[in-house]
Amino acid sequence: MSDPLKPLFSGLDSGIARLAEKVAAAASLTVKVQQSLPETLRPHVLSASRRGDDLVVIVDSAAWSARVRYAGRRLIERLAQDGEVVRRSGGICGRLPPPSSLPRT
C-alpha cells in the first residue's frame, strides 16, 4: 500500500532548508542594521529585510521609523562598509509590525 501523502512531503526538506537560509539572512541583516544605527535607535529595530532595491526596517513605533529614515544615508554607508550594498535609488522604508504582534498595554 502506497502512502498518498508521500508526493506532498517529498520536497519538504529542500523547502525547509531554503526557508532556514532566508531566516538566517534576515537575522544577519537585522544585526548589521542595528549595529550601523546610532545606539539610541538600535533597540527599536525589530527586523530588517530586502524588498527589491529597498531596505525595509521594522521598528516598534512610527517615531522610530522616521528617525531610521533620517539616519538613512549614514546607514547605507555603514552597511556598504560591511558588504551590504543598498542602492540609493531604492532607499530605506521604515515599517511598523502588524498591530496584532505589538504588546498590549
PDB file of N, CA and C in Angstrom:
ATOM      1  N   MET A   1       0.846  -1.183   0.000  1.00  0.00           N
ATOM      2  CA  MET A   1       0.000   0.000   0.000  1.00  0.00           C
ATOM      3  C   MET A   1       0.891   1.247   0.000  1.00  0.00           C
ATOM      4  N   SER A   2       0.658   2.140  -0.939  1.00  0.00           N
ATOM      5  CA  SER A   2       1.487   3.343  -1.025  1.00  0.00           C
ATOM      6  C   SER A   2       0.894   4.454  -0.152  1.00  0.00           C
ATOM      7  N   ASP A   3       1.773   5.335   0.285  1.00  0.00           N
ATOM      8  CA  ASP A   3       1.365   6.451   1.135  1.00  0.00           C
ATOM      9  C   ASP A   3       0.877   7.595   0.250  1.00  0.00           C
ATOM     10  N   PRO A   4      -0.406   8.003   0.335  1.00  0.00           N
ATOM     11  CA  PRO A   4      -0.918   9.057  -0.544  1.00  0.00           C
ATOM     12  C   PRO A   4      -0.322  10.434  -0.252  1.00  0.00           C
ATOM     13  N   LEU A   5       0.259  10.606   0.910  1.00  0.00           N
ATOM     14  CA  LEU A   5       0.841  11.902   1.258  1.00  0.00           C
ATOM     15  C   LEU A   5       2.310  12.028   0.847  1.00  0.00           C
ATOM     16  N   LYS A   6       2.893  10.926   0.396  1.00  0.00           N
ATOM     17  CA  LYS A   6       4.312  10.952   0.039  1.00  0.00           C
ATOM     18  C   LYS A   6       4.646  12.025  -0.998  1.00  0.00           C
ATOM     19  N   PRO A   7       3.874  12.188  -2.077  1.00  0.00           N
ATOM     20  CA  PRO A   7       4.203  13.254  -3.037  1.00  0.00           C
ATOM     21  C   PRO A   7       4.121  14.651  -2.418  1.00  0.00           C
ATOM     22  N   LEU A   8       3.224  14.820  -1.484  1.00  0.00           N
ATOM     23  CA  LEU A   8       3.063  16.114  -0.846  1.00  0.00           C
ATOM     24  C   LEU A   8       4.288  16.496  -0.024  1.00  0.00           C
ATOM     25  N   PHE A   9       4.886  15.531   0.651  1.00  0.00           N
ATOM     26  CA  PHE A   9       6.014  15.793   1.538  1.00  0.00           C
ATOM     27  C   PHE A   9       7.375  15.552   0.893  1.00  0.00           C
ATOM     28  N   SER A  10       7.416  15.147  -0.362  1.00  0.00           N
ATOM     29  CA  SER A  10       8.695  14.782  -0.983  1.00  0.00           C
ATOM     30  C   SER A  10       9.671  15.956  -1.089  1.00  0.00           C
ATOM     31  N   GLY A  11       9.204  17.155  -1.329  1.00  0.00           N
ATOM     32  CA  GLY A  11      10.098  18.310  -1.465  1.00  0.00           C
ATOM     33  C   GLY A  11      10.186  19.157  -0.214  1.00  0.00           C
ATOM     34  N   LEU A  12       9.654  18.657   0.874  1.00  0.00           N
ATOM     35  CA  LEU A  12       9.586  19.435   2.100  1.00  0.00           C
ATOM     36  C   LEU A  12      10.957  19.766   2.676  1.00  0.00           C
ATOM     37  N   ASP A  13      11.884  18.824   2.639  1.00  0.00           N
ATOM     38  CA  ASP A  13      13.216  19.063   3.206  1.00  0.00           C
ATOM     39  C   ASP A  13      13.937  20.226   2.524  1.00  0.00           C
ATOM     40  N   SER A  14      13.889  20.267   1.205  1.00  0.00           N
ATOM     41  CA  SER A  14      14.574  21.354   0.497  1.00  0.00           C
ATOM     42  C   SER A  14      13.875  22.689   0.752  1.00  0.00           C
ATOM     43  N   GLY A  15      12.551  22.673   0.868  1.00  0.00           N
ATOM     44  CA  GLY A  15      11.814  23.902   1.161  1.00  0.00           C
ATOM     45  C   GLY A  15      12.143  24.439   2.546  1.00  0.00           C
ATOM     46  N   ILE A  16      12.257  23.546   3.505  1.00  0.00           N
ATOM     47  CA  ILE A  16      12.615  23.956   4.871  1.00  0.00           C
ATOM     48  C   ILE A  16      14.041  24.486   4.898  1.00  0.00           C
ATOM     49  N   ALA A  17      14.932  23.873   4.146  1.00  0.00           N
ATOM     50  CA  ALA A  17      16.321  24.340   4.090  1.00  0.00           C
ATOM     51  C   ALA A  17      16.390  25.751   3.494  1.00  0.00           C
ATOM     52  N   ARG A  18      15.635  26.004   2.431  1.00  0.00           N
ATOM     53  CA  ARG A  18      15.610  27.345   1.824  1.00  0.00           C
ATOM     54  C   ARG A  18      15.028  28.372   2.797  1.00  0.00           C
ATOM     55  N   LEU A  19      13.983  27.982   3.501  1.00  0.00           N
ATOM     56  CA  LEU A  19      13.380  28.881   4.481  1.00  0.00           C
ATOM     57  C   LEU A  19      14.371  29.192   5.602  1.00  0.00           C
ATOM     58  N   ALA A  20      15.105  28.201   6.063  1.00  0.00           N
ATOM     59  CA  ALA A  20      16.104  28.414   7.115  1.00  0.00           C
ATOM     60  C   ALA A  20      17.200  29.363   6.633  1.00  0.00           C
ATOM     61  N   GLU A  21      17.602  29.268   5.367  1.00  0.00           N
ATOM     62  CA  GLU A  21      18.608  30.179   4.813  1.00  0.00           C
ATOM     63  C   GLU A  21      18.078  31.616   4.790  1.00  0.00           C
ATOM     64  N   LYS A  22      16.812  31.791   4.405  1.00  0.00           N
ATOM     65  CA  LYS A  22      16.220  33.128   4.366  1.00  0.00           C
ATOM     66  C   LYS A  22      16.112  33.726   5.769  1.00  0.00           C
ATOM     67  N   VAL A  23      15.754  32.891   6.737  1.00  0.00           N
ATOM     68  CA  VAL A  23      15.656  33.361   8.123  1.00  0.00           C
ATOM     69  C   VAL A  23      17.034  33.788   8.629  1.00  0.00           C
ATOM     70  N   ALA A  24      18.053  32.995   8.348  1.00  0.00           N
ATOM     71  CA  ALA A  24      19.413  33.333   8.778  1.00  0.00           C
ATOM     72  C   ALA A  24      19.889  34.624   8.117  1.00  0.00           C
ATOM     73  N   ALA A  25      19.569  34.816   6.837  1.00  0.00           N
ATOM     74  CA  ALA A  25      19.966  36.044   6.131  1.00  0.00           C
ATOM     75  C   ALA A  25      19.260  37.255   6.729  1.00  0.00           C
ATOM     76  N   ALA A  26      17.980  37.128   7.050  1.00  0.00           N
ATOM     77  CA  ALA A  26      17.239  38.243   7.643  1.00  0.00           C
ATOM     78  C   ALA A  26      17.779  38.573   9.035  1.00  0.00           C
ATOM     79  N   ALA A  27      18.100  37.544   9.807  1.00  0.00           N
ATOM     80  CA  ALA A  27      18.648  37.769  11.152  1.00  0.00           C
ATOM     81  C   ALA A  27      20.001  38.465  11.065  1.00  0.00           C
ATOM     82  N   SER A  28      20.821  38.035  10.117  1.00  0.00           N
ATOM     83  CA  SER A  28      22.138  38.647   9.934  1.00  0.00           C
ATOM     84  C   SER A  28      22.006  40.109   9.500  1.00  0.00           C
ATOM     85  N   LEU A  29      21.095  40.374   8.565  1.00  0.00           N
ATOM     86  CA  LEU A  29      20.879  41.747   8.103  1.00  0.00           C
ATOM     87  C   LEU A  29      20.341  42.621   9.240  1.00  0.00           C
ATOM     88  N   THR A  30      19.464  42.080  10.051  1.00  0.00           N
ATOM     89  CA  THR A  30      18.919  42.825  11.185  1.00  0.00           C
ATOM     90  C   THR A  30      20.029  43.252  12.139  1.00  0.00           C
ATOM     91  N   VAL A  31      20.936  42.337  12.441  1.00  0.00           N
ATOM     92  CA  VAL A  31      22.060  42.654  13.336  1.00  0.00           C
ATOM     93  C   VAL A  31      22.943  43.727  12.711  1.00  0.00           C
ATOM     94  N   LYS A  32      23.217  43.609  11.406  1.00  0.00           N
ATOM     95  CA  LYS A  32      24.050  44.613  10.737  1.00  0.00           C
ATOM     96  C   LYS A  32      23.386  45.989  10.762  1.00  0.00           C
ATOM     97  N   VAL A  33      22.078  46.027  10.544  1.00  0.00           N
ATOM     98  CA  VAL A  33      21.361  47.301  10.575  1.00  0.00           C
ATOM     99  C   VAL A  33      21.410  47.883  11.976  1.00  0.00           C
ATOM    100  N   GLN A  34      21.144  47.064  12.983  1.00  0.00           N
ATOM    101  CA  GLN A  34      21.187  47.554  14.367  1.00  0.00           C
ATOM    102  C   GLN A  34      22.562  48.115  14.707  1.00  0.00           C
ATOM    103  N   GLN A  35      23.609  47.422  14.306  1.00  0.00           N
ATOM    104  CA  GLN A  35      24.963  47.863  14.621  1.00  0.00           C
ATOM    105  C   GLN A  35      25.352  49.118  13.842  1.00  0.00           C
ATOM    106  N   SER A  36      24.699  49.349  12.714  1.00  0.00           N
ATOM    107  CA  SER A  36      25.032  50.505  11.873  1.00  0.00           C
ATOM    108  C   SER A  36      24.275  51.768  12.270  1.00  0.00           C
ATOM    109  N   LEU A  37      23.289  51.629  13.113  1.00  0.00           N
ATOM    110  CA  LEU A  37      22.496  52.782  13.545  1.00  0.00           C
ATOM    111  C   LEU A  37      23.045  53.349  14.849  1.00  0.00           C
ATOM    112  N   PRO A  38      22.706  54.602  15.157  1.00  0.00           N
ATOM    113  CA  PRO A  38      23.100  55.158  16.449  1.00  0.00           C
ATOM    114  C   PRO A  38      22.524  54.310  17.590  1.00  0.00           C
ATOM    115  N   GLU A  39      23.201  54.315  18.695  1.00  0.00           N
ATOM    116  CA  GLU A  39      22.842  53.457  19.827  1.00  0.00           C
ATOM    117  C   GLU A  39      21.405  53.661  20.306  1.00  0.00           C
ATOM    118  N   THR A  40      20.901  54.880  20.228  1.00  0.00           N
ATOM    119  CA  THR A  40      19.530  55.134  20.701  1.00  0.00           C
ATOM    120  C   THR A  40      18.475  54.462  19.835  1.00  0.00           C
ATOM    121  N   LEU A  41      18.792  54.193  18.572  1.00  0.00           N
ATOM    122  CA  LEU A  41      17.825  53.569  17.660  1.00  0.00           C
ATOM    123  C   LEU A  41      17.871  52.041  17.696  1.00  0.00           C
ATOM    124  N   ARG A  42      18.986  51.480  18.059  1.00  0.00           N
ATOM    125  CA  ARG A  42      19.203  50.030  17.961  1.00  0.00           C
ATOM    126  C   ARG A  42      18.126  49.172  18.608  1.00  0.00           C
ATOM    127  N   PRO A  43      17.725  49.450  19.856  1.00  0.00           N
ATOM    128  CA  PRO A  43      16.748  48.551  20.475  1.00  0.00           C
ATOM    129  C   PRO A  43      15.348  48.615  19.852  1.00  0.00           C
ATOM    130  N   HIS A  44      15.097  49.615  19.010  1.00  0.00           N
ATOM    131  CA  HIS A  44      13.777  49.776  18.408  1.00  0.00           C
ATOM    132  C   HIS A  44      13.654  49.075  17.063  1.00  0.00           C
ATOM    133  N   VAL A  45      14.763  48.555  16.535  1.00  0.00           N
ATOM    134  CA  VAL A  45      14.741  47.816  15.277  1.00  0.00           C
ATOM    135  C   VAL A  45      14.377  46.368  15.584  1.00  0.00           C
ATOM    136  N   LEU A  46      13.235  45.936  15.054  1.00  0.00           N
ATOM    137  CA  LEU A  46      12.761  44.581  15.298  1.00  0.00           C
ATOM    138  C   LEU A  46      13.237  43.605  14.226  1.00  0.00           C
ATOM    139  N   SER A  47      13.348  44.102  12.998  1.00  0.00           N
ATOM    140  CA  SER A  47      13.737  43.236  11.889  1.00  0.00           C
ATOM    141  C   SER A  47      14.161  44.097  10.697  1.00  0.00           C
ATOM    142  N   ALA A  48      14.935  43.498   9.812  1.00  0.00           N
ATOM    143  CA  ALA A  48      15.317  44.167   8.567  1.00  0.00           C
ATOM    144  C   ALA A  48      15.309  43.139   7.444  1.00  0.00           C
ATOM    145  N   SER A  49      14.891  43.577   6.273  1.00  0.00           N
ATOM    146  CA  SER A  49      14.879  42.681   5.118  1.00  0.00           C
ATOM    147  C   SER A  49      15.019  43.515   3.849  1.00  0.00           C
ATOM    148  N   ARG A  50      15.184  42.823   2.755  1.00  0.00           N
ATOM    149  CA  ARG A  50      15.270  43.491   1.459  1.00  0.00           C
ATOM    150  C   ARG A  50      13.997  43.212   0.677  1.00  0.00           C
ATOM    151  N   ARG A  51      13.536  44.233  -0.014  1.00  0.00           N
ATOM    152  CA  ARG A  51      12.397  44.088  -0.911  1.00  0.00           C
ATOM    153  C   ARG A  51      12.766  44.828  -2.184  1.00  0.00           C
ATOM    154  N   GLY A  52      13.321  44.097  -3.129  1.00  0.00           N
ATOM    155  CA  GLY A  52      13.834  44.721  -4.337  1.00  0.00           C
ATOM    156  C   GLY A  52      15.055  45.557  -3.995  1.00  0.00           C
ATOM    157  N   ASP A  53      15.033  46.838  -4.401  1.00  0.00           N
ATOM    158  CA  ASP A  53      16.136  47.750  -4.097  1.00  0.00           C
ATOM    159  C   ASP A  53      16.000  48.392  -2.721  1.00  0.00           C
ATOM    160  N   ASP A  54      14.858  48.175  -2.075  1.00  0.00           N
ATOM    161  CA  ASP A  54      14.602  48.810  -0.790  1.00  0.00           C
ATOM    162  C   ASP A  54      15.123  47.981   0.371  1.00  0.00           C
ATOM    163  N   LEU A  55      15.551  48.674   1.392  1.00  0.00           N
ATOM    164  CA  LEU A  55      15.863  48.051   2.672  1.00  0.00           C
ATOM    165  C   LEU A  55      14.673  48.363   3.566  1.00  0.00           C
ATOM    166  N   VAL A  56      13.998  47.330   4.041  1.00  0.00           N
ATOM    167  CA  VAL A  56      12.819  47.505   4.883  1.00  0.00           C
ATOM    168  C   VAL A  56      13.232  47.238   6.327  1.00  0.00           C
ATOM    169  N   VAL A  57      13.054  48.239   7.174  1.00  0.00           N
ATOM    170  CA  VAL A  57      13.422  48.141   8.581  1.00  0.00           C
ATOM    171  C   VAL A  57      12.132  48.210   9.394  1.00  0.00           C
ATOM    172  N   ILE A  58      11.869  47.167  10.154  1.00  0.00           N
ATOM    173  CA  ILE A  58      10.677  47.111  11.001  1.00  0.00           C
ATOM    174  C   ILE A  58      11.060  47.648  12.378  1.00  0.00           C
ATOM    175  N   VAL A  59      10.345  48.677  12.820  1.00  0.00           N
ATOM    176  CA  VAL A  59      10.615  49.306  14.116  1.00  0.00           C
ATOM    177  C   VAL A  59       9.356  49.246  14.974  1.00  0.00           C
ATOM    178  N   ASP A  60       9.504  49.587  16.257  1.00  0.00           N
ATOM    179  CA  ASP A  60       8.379  49.408  17.174  1.00  0.00           C
ATOM    180  C   ASP A  60       7.424  50.587  17.282  1.00  0.00           C
ATOM    181  N   SER A  61       7.708  51.716  16.629  1.00  0.00           N
ATOM    182  CA  SER A  61       6.746  52.822  16.606  1.00  0.00           C
ATOM    183  C   SER A  61       7.047  53.752  15.428  1.00  0.00           C
ATOM    184  N   ALA A  62       6.051  54.540  15.066  1.00  0.00           N
ATOM    185  CA  ALA A  62       6.198  55.461  13.934  1.00  0.00           C
ATOM    186  C   ALA A  62       7.297  56.491  14.178  1.00  0.00           C
ATOM    187  N   ALA A  63       7.463  56.927  15.406  1.00  0.00           N
ATOM    188  CA  ALA A  63       8.503  57.914  15.714  1.00  0.00           C
ATOM    189  C   ALA A  63       9.882  57.357  15.378  1.00  0.00           C
ATOM    190  N   TRP A  64      10.114  56.104  15.703  1.00  0.00           N
ATOM    191  CA  TRP A  64      11.422  55.499  15.422  1.00  0.00           C
ATOM    192  C   TRP A  64      11.575  55.218  13.934  1.00  0.00           C
ATOM    193  N   SER A  65      10.481  54.980  13.242  1.00  0.00           N
ATOM    194  CA  SER A  65      10.528  54.775  11.796  1.00  0.00           C
ATOM    195  C   SER A  65      11.078  56.022  11.110  1.00  0.00           C
ATOM    196  N   ALA A  66      10.596  57.188  11.520  1.00  0.00           N
ATOM    197  CA  ALA A  66      11.080  58.446  10.940  1.00  0.00           C
ATOM    198  C   ALA A  66      12.560  58.647  11.241  1.00  0.00           C
ATOM    199  N   ARG A  67      12.967  58.326  12.447  1.00  0.00           N
ATOM    200  CA  ARG A  67      14.385  58.501  12.806  1.00  0.00           C
ATOM    201  C   ARG A  67      15.290  57.566  12.021  1.00  0.00           C
ATOM    202  N   VAL A  68      14.814  56.360  11.749  1.00  0.00           N
ATOM    203  CA  VAL A  68      15.602  55.427  10.932  1.00  0.00           C
ATOM    204  C   VAL A  68      15.740  55.985   9.517  1.00  0.00           C
ATOM    205  N   ARG A  69      14.667  56.522   8.969  1.00  0.00           N
ATOM    206  CA  ARG A  69      14.750  57.117   7.626  1.00  0.00           C
ATOM    207  C   ARG A  69      15.702  58.307   7.617  1.00  0.00           C
ATOM    208  N   TYR A  70      15.681  59.132   8.650  1.00  0.00           N
ATOM    209  CA  TYR A  70      16.606  60.281   8.723  1.00  0.00           C
ATOM    210  C   TYR A  70      18.059  59.820   8.803  1.00  0.00           C
ATOM    211  N   ALA A  71      18.291  58.669   9.407  1.00  0.00           N
ATOM    212  CA  ALA A  71      19.648  58.129   9.516  1.00  0.00           C
ATOM    213  C   ALA A  71      20.026  57.320   8.270  1.00  0.00           C
ATOM    214  N   GLY A  72      19.190  57.359   7.246  1.00  0.00           N
ATOM    215  CA  GLY A  72      19.341  56.510   6.064  1.00  0.00           C
ATOM    216  C   GLY A  72      20.669  56.611   5.347  1.00  0.00           C
ATOM    217  N   ARG A  73      21.124  57.809   5.076  1.00  0.00           N
ATOM    218  CA  ARG A  73      22.373  57.970   4.321  1.00  0.00           C
ATOM    219  C   ARG A  73      23.543  57.341   5.079  1.00  0.00           C
ATOM    220  N   ARG A  74      23.619  57.627   6.357  1.00  0.00           N
ATOM    221  CA  ARG A  74      24.704  57.068   7.180  1.00  0.00           C
ATOM    222  C   ARG A  74      24.576  55.539   7.283  1.00  0.00           C
ATOM    223  N   LEU A  75      23.337  55.062   7.413  1.00  0.00           N
ATOM    224  CA  LEU A  75      23.089  53.620   7.483  1.00  0.00           C
ATOM    225  C   LEU A  75      23.550  52.934   6.204  1.00  0.00           C
ATOM    226  N   ILE A  76      23.207  53.497   5.061  1.00  0.00           N
ATOM    227  CA  ILE A  76      23.614  52.920   3.777  1.00  0.00           C
ATOM    228  C   ILE A  76      25.135  52.873   3.666  1.00  0.00           C
ATOM    229  N   GLU A  77      25.812  53.947   4.091  1.00  0.00           N
ATOM    230  CA  GLU A  77      27.274  53.976   4.029  1.00  0.00           C
ATOM    231  C   GLU A  77      27.893  52.912   4.932  1.00  0.00           C
ATOM    232  N   ARG A  78      27.363  52.772   6.141  1.00  0.00           N
ATOM    233  CA  ARG A  78      27.915  51.776   7.071  1.00  0.00           C
ATOM    234  C   ARG A  78      27.629  50.351   6.602  1.00  0.00           C
ATOM    235  N   LEU A  79      26.458  50.129   6.042  1.00  0.00           N
ATOM    236  CA  LEU A  79      26.155  48.794   5.513  1.00  0.00           C
ATOM    237  C   LEU A  79      27.071  48.458   4.344  1.00  0.00           C
ATOM    238  N   ALA A  80      27.383  49.457   3.522  1.00  0.00           N
ATOM    239  CA  ALA A  80      28.295  49.235   2.395  1.00  0.00           C
ATOM    240  C   ALA A  80      29.678  48.819   2.887  1.00  0.00           C
ATOM    241  N   GLN A  81      30.114  49.403   4.003  1.00  0.00           N
ATOM    242  CA  GLN A  81      31.401  49.005   4.586  1.00  0.00           C
ATOM    243  C   GLN A  81      31.375  47.553   5.045  1.00  0.00           C
ATOM    244  N   ASP A  82      30.182  47.054   5.405  1.00  0.00           N
ATOM    245  CA  ASP A  82      30.012  45.657   5.827  1.00  0.00           C
ATOM    246  C   ASP A  82      29.736  44.725   4.655  1.00  0.00           C
ATOM    247  N   GLY A  83      29.714  45.275   3.447  1.00  0.00           N
ATOM    248  CA  GLY A  83      29.472  44.448   2.267  1.00  0.00           C
ATOM    249  C   GLY A  83      28.008  44.306   1.891  1.00  0.00           C
ATOM    250  N   GLU A  84      27.131  45.035   2.555  1.00  0.00           N
ATOM    251  CA  GLU A  84      25.691  45.021   2.240  1.00  0.00           C
ATOM    252  C   GLU A  84      25.389  46.252   1.396  1.00  0.00           C
ATOM    253  N   VAL A  85      25.264  46.067   0.108  1.00  0.00           N
ATOM    254  CA  VAL A  85      25.040  47.197  -0.789  1.00  0.00           C
ATOM    255  C   VAL A  85      23.548  47.480  -0.893  1.00  0.00           C
ATOM    256  N   VAL A  86      23.169  48.721  -0.604  1.00  0.00           N
ATOM    257  CA  VAL A  86      21.798  49.194  -0.762  1.00  0.00           C
ATOM    258  C   VAL A  86      21.849  50.296  -1.801  1.00  0.00           C
ATOM    259  N   ARG A  87      21.122  50.134  -2.874  1.00  0.00           N
ATOM    260  CA  ARG A  87      21.121  51.152  -3.928  1.00  0.00           C
ATOM    261  C   ARG A  87      20.418  52.394  -3.430  1.00  0.00           C
ATOM    262  N   ARG A  88      21.001  53.510  -3.698  1.00  0.00           N
ATOM    263  CA  ARG A  88      20.409  54.775  -3.255  1.00  0.00           C
ATOM    264  C   ARG A  88      19.083  55.048  -3.959  1.00  0.00           C
ATOM    265  N   SER A  89      18.866  54.424  -5.124  1.00  0.00           N
ATOM    266  CA  SER A  89      17.595  54.637  -5.820  1.00  0.00           C
ATOM    267  C   SER A  89      16.457  53.940  -5.090  1.00  0.00           C
ATOM    268  N   GLY A  90      16.787  52.904  -4.336  1.00  0.00           N
ATOM    269  CA  GLY A  90      15.755  52.187  -3.585  1.00  0.00           C
ATOM    270  C   GLY A  90      15.419  52.931  -2.320  1.00  0.00           C
ATOM    271  N   GLY A  91      16.350  52.925  -1.387  1.00  0.00           N
ATOM    272  CA  GLY A  91      16.153  53.668  -0.157  1.00  0.00           C
ATOM    273  C   GLY A  91      15.777  52.787   1.016  1.00  0.00           C
ATOM    274  N   ILE A  92      15.378  53.453   2.075  1.00  0.00           N
ATOM    275  CA  ILE A  92      15.056  52.776   3.311  1.00  0.00           C
ATOM    276  C   ILE A  92      13.594  53.033   3.638  1.00  0.00           C
ATOM    277  N   CYS A  93      12.869  51.980   3.901  1.00  0.00           N
ATOM    278  CA  CYS A  93      11.466  52.093   4.280  1.00  0.00           C
ATOM    279  C   CYS A  93      11.331  51.684   5.732  1.00  0.00           C
ATOM    280  N   GLY A  94      10.865  52.576   6.555  1.00  0.00           N
ATOM    281  CA  GLY A  94      10.579  52.229   7.939  1.00  0.00           C
ATOM    282  C   GLY A  94       9.156  51.705   8.030  1.00  0.00           C
ATOM    283  N   ARG A  95       8.964  50.599   8.680  1.00  0.00           N
ATOM    284  CA  ARG A  95       7.645  49.990   8.790  1.00  0.00           C
ATOM    285  C   ARG A  95       7.354  49.642  10.242  1.00  0.00           C
ATOM    286  N   LEU A  96       6.064  49.541  10.540  1.00  0.00           N
ATOM    287  CA  LEU A  96       5.619  49.077  11.844  1.00  0.00           C
ATOM    288  C   LEU A  96       5.135  47.644  11.703  1.00  0.00           C
ATOM    289  N   PRO A  97       5.288  46.839  12.744  1.00  0.00           N
ATOM    290  CA  PRO A  97       4.747  45.487  12.676  1.00  0.00           C
ATOM    291  C   PRO A  97       3.221  45.553  12.700  1.00  0.00           C
ATOM    292  N   PRO A  98       2.543  44.470  12.296  1.00  0.00           N
ATOM    293  CA  PRO A  98       1.077  44.461  12.367  1.00  0.00           C
ATOM    294  C   PRO A  98       0.609  44.690  13.804  1.00  0.00           C
ATOM    295  N   PRO A  99      -0.497  45.382  14.003  1.00  0.00           N
ATOM    296  CA  PRO A  99      -0.975  45.690  15.360  1.00  0.00           C
ATOM    297  C   PRO A  99      -1.139  44.449  16.234  1.00  0.00           C
ATOM    298  N   SER A 100      -1.490  43.339  15.639  1.00  0.00           N
ATOM    299  CA  SER A 100      -1.705  42.117  16.425  1.00  0.00           C
ATOM    300  C   SER A 100      -0.415  41.595  17.043  1.00  0.00           C
ATOM    301  N   SER A 101       0.747  41.990  16.524  1.00  0.00           N
ATOM    302  CA  SER A 101       2.008  41.487  17.055  1.00  0.00           C
ATOM    303  C   SER A 101       2.616  42.410  18.119  1.00  0.00           C
ATOM    304  N   LEU A 102       2.014  43.585  18.313  1.00  0.00           N
ATOM    305  CA  LEU A 102       2.520  44.510  19.330  1.00  0.00           C
ATOM    306  C   LEU A 102       1.949  44.147  20.687  1.00  0.00           C
ATOM    307  N   PRO A 103       2.742  44.312  21.743  1.00  0.00           N
ATOM    308  CA  PRO A 103       2.228  44.008  23.081  1.00  0.00           C
ATOM    309  C   PRO A 103       1.138  44.996  23.487  1.00  0.00           C
ATOM    310  N   ARG A 104       0.140  44.500  24.178  1.00  0.00           N
ATOM    311  CA  ARG A 104      -0.938  45.364  24.666  1.00  0.00           C
ATOM    312  C   ARG A 104      -0.551  45.985  25.987  1.00  0.00           C
ATOM    313  N   THR A 105      -0.925  47.247  26.146  1.00  0.00           N
ATOM    314  CA  THR A 105      -0.621  47.935  27.403  1.00  0.00           C
ATOM    315  C   THR A 105      -1.882  48.279  28.148  1.00  0.00           C
TER     316      THR A 105
END
